[in-house]
Amino acid sequence: MQVRRERKLSFDALMNVFDKVYRLVSMIPEGKVASYGQIARMLGSPRGARTVGWALHGLPEGTDVPWHRVINSQGRISTSCLQHDANLQRELLEAEGVIFDERDRVDWEVYGWEGLDWAELDALWRVD
């Protein structure tokens, strides 16, 4: 039986993770989408999709971080946040030219962001 160990992060460490999420999500180009898990993997935390969601949920109103460009791995909007609701997210994506199919999914082949390579990620974390 495998025992799951909980990792406790300090407030400062958590804010550092959130800051990295915001920096990375800000790199997603207009008209492209990424998944929560994809962002987590690029952060070096392959099981951190929910943390990415928490970070985006915590964004203040009027932010310039394009939170709407992050969707679930099935190509669907999955937010239940009242501040950043699904209708708003869809409207913002459609305004950027992203098309949803009859099942309310985005075609990853057309709209999926390829992400950054390791050298680009390293440079992004070094920017202060």
Protein backbone atom coordinates (compact mmCIF):
# COMPACT_ATOMS: atom_id res chain seq x y z
CA MET A 1 0.00 0.00 0.00
CA GLN A 2 1.38 3.37 -1.01
CA VAL A 3 1.15 6.17 1.52
CA ARG A 4 0.59 9.63 0.15
CA ARG A 5 2.70 12.27 1.80
CA GLU A 6 1.29 15.72 2.07
CA ARG A 7 3.57 18.59 1.24
CA LYS A 8 2.94 21.76 3.11
CA LEU A 9 4.01 24.95 1.42
CA SER A 10 4.65 28.17 3.19
CA PHE A 11 2.66 31.19 2.06
CA ASP A 12 5.77 32.61 0.35
CA ALA A 13 6.43 29.34 -1.49
CA LEU A 14 2.81 29.15 -2.61
CA MET A 15 2.94 32.73 -3.89
CA ASN A 16 6.12 31.87 -5.80
CA VAL A 17 4.29 28.96 -7.46
CA PHE A 18 1.31 31.21 -8.28
CA ASP A 19 3.66 33.83 -9.73
CA LYS A 20 5.18 31.18 -12.00
CA VAL A 21 1.70 30.12 -13.12
CA TYR A 22 0.88 33.73 -13.97
CA ARG A 23 4.13 34.23 -15.89
CA LEU A 24 3.65 31.05 -17.86
CA VAL A 25 -0.04 31.60 -18.64
CA SER A 26 0.86 35.10 -19.84
CA MET A 27 2.96 33.46 -22.56
CA ILE A 28 -0.01 31.66 -24.16
CA PRO A 29 -0.66 33.49 -27.43
CA GLU A 30 -4.04 34.91 -28.38
CA GLY A 31 -6.19 32.29 -30.09
CA LYS A 32 -4.42 29.38 -28.40
CA VAL A 33 -5.27 27.32 -25.31
CA ALA A 34 -3.39 25.18 -22.81
CA SER A 35 -4.61 22.69 -20.24
CA TYR A 36 -4.20 22.99 -16.48
CA GLY A 37 -2.07 19.84 -16.57
CA GLN A 38 0.10 21.15 -19.39
CA ILE A 39 0.88 24.28 -17.38
CA ALA A 40 1.60 22.15 -14.29
CA ARG A 41 3.99 19.90 -16.24
CA MET A 42 5.88 22.92 -17.58
CA LEU A 43 6.21 24.09 -13.98
CA GLY A 44 7.80 20.75 -13.11
CA SER A 45 4.77 19.56 -11.18
CA PRO A 46 3.02 16.95 -13.33
CA ARG A 47 0.31 16.38 -10.70
CA GLY A 48 -0.26 20.07 -10.03
CA ALA A 49 -3.20 20.83 -12.34
CA ARG A 50 -5.42 21.79 -9.42
CA THR A 51 -2.80 24.18 -8.11
CA VAL A 52 -2.82 25.89 -11.50
CA GLY A 53 -6.60 26.19 -11.20
CA TRP A 54 -6.33 27.64 -7.69
CA ALA A 55 -3.78 30.18 -8.87
CA LEU A 56 -5.99 31.31 -11.74
CA HIS A 57 -9.04 31.38 -9.48
CA GLY A 58 -7.17 33.76 -7.19
CA LEU A 59 -6.51 36.37 -9.86
CA PRO A 60 -7.99 39.78 -9.11
CA GLU A 61 -10.63 41.31 -11.33
CA GLY A 62 -9.16 43.27 -14.22
CA THR A 63 -5.96 41.22 -14.38
CA ASP A 64 -3.96 41.14 -17.59
CA VAL A 65 -3.12 37.43 -17.13
CA PRO A 66 -5.09 35.60 -19.86
CA TRP A 67 -6.66 33.04 -17.49
CA HIS A 68 -9.33 32.26 -20.07
CA ARG A 69 -6.77 30.49 -22.27
CA VAL A 70 -6.47 27.60 -19.81
CA ILE A 71 -9.06 24.83 -20.18
CA ASN A 72 -9.28 21.18 -19.17
CA SER A 73 -7.51 18.36 -20.96
CA GLN A 74 -10.70 17.32 -22.76
CA GLY A 75 -10.77 20.70 -24.49
CA ARG A 76 -13.65 22.00 -22.40
CA ILE A 77 -14.17 24.92 -20.08
CA SER A 78 -14.37 23.63 -16.53
CA THR A 79 -14.52 26.68 -14.31
CA SER A 80 -17.22 26.98 -11.69
CA CYS A 81 -15.97 30.32 -10.42
CA LEU A 82 -18.54 33.08 -10.22
CA GLN A 83 -15.93 35.78 -10.84
CA HIS A 84 -14.53 34.08 -13.97
CA ASP A 85 -17.52 32.12 -15.17
CA ALA A 86 -17.71 29.68 -18.08
CA ASN A 87 -19.78 32.01 -20.27
CA LEU A 88 -17.23 34.80 -19.91
CA GLN A 89 -14.37 32.40 -20.62
CA ARG A 90 -16.06 31.14 -23.75
CA GLU A 91 -16.84 34.68 -24.95
CA LEU A 92 -13.21 35.73 -24.46
CA LEU A 93 -11.91 32.69 -26.33
CA GLU A 94 -14.39 33.11 -29.18
CA ALA A 95 -13.39 36.78 -29.46
CA GLU A 96 -9.84 35.51 -30.09
CA GLY A 97 -11.07 33.20 -32.86
CA VAL A 98 -11.25 29.95 -30.88
CA ILE A 99 -14.13 27.79 -32.12
CA PHE A 100 -16.04 25.28 -30.00
CA ASP A 101 -17.61 22.22 -31.59
CA GLU A 102 -21.14 20.90 -31.02
CA ARG A 103 -19.93 19.17 -27.82
CA ASP A 104 -18.50 22.47 -26.47
CA ARG A 105 -14.93 21.30 -27.02
CA VAL A 106 -11.91 23.01 -28.52
CA ASP A 107 -9.86 21.14 -31.12
CA TRP A 108 -6.39 20.70 -29.60
CA GLU A 109 -4.87 20.13 -33.04
CA VAL A 110 -5.98 23.59 -34.15
CA TYR A 111 -5.93 25.68 -30.96
CA GLY A 112 -3.57 23.87 -28.61
CA TRP A 113 -0.48 25.79 -27.52
CA GLU A 114 2.72 23.81 -27.90
CA GLY A 115 4.20 25.47 -24.83
CA LEU A 116 7.74 26.54 -24.12
CA ASP A 117 10.85 24.41 -24.37
CA TRP A 118 13.16 23.99 -21.38
CA ALA A 119 15.50 26.79 -22.44
CA GLU A 120 12.57 29.22 -22.79
CA LEU A 121 11.19 28.14 -19.41
CA ASP A 122 14.56 28.63 -17.76
CA ALA A 123 14.82 32.13 -19.25
CA LEU A 124 11.28 32.94 -18.09
CA TRP A 125 12.12 32.02 -14.47
CA ARG A 126 15.29 34.13 -14.55
CA VAL A 127 13.41 37.31 -15.52
CA ASP A 128 12.86 39.60 -12.54
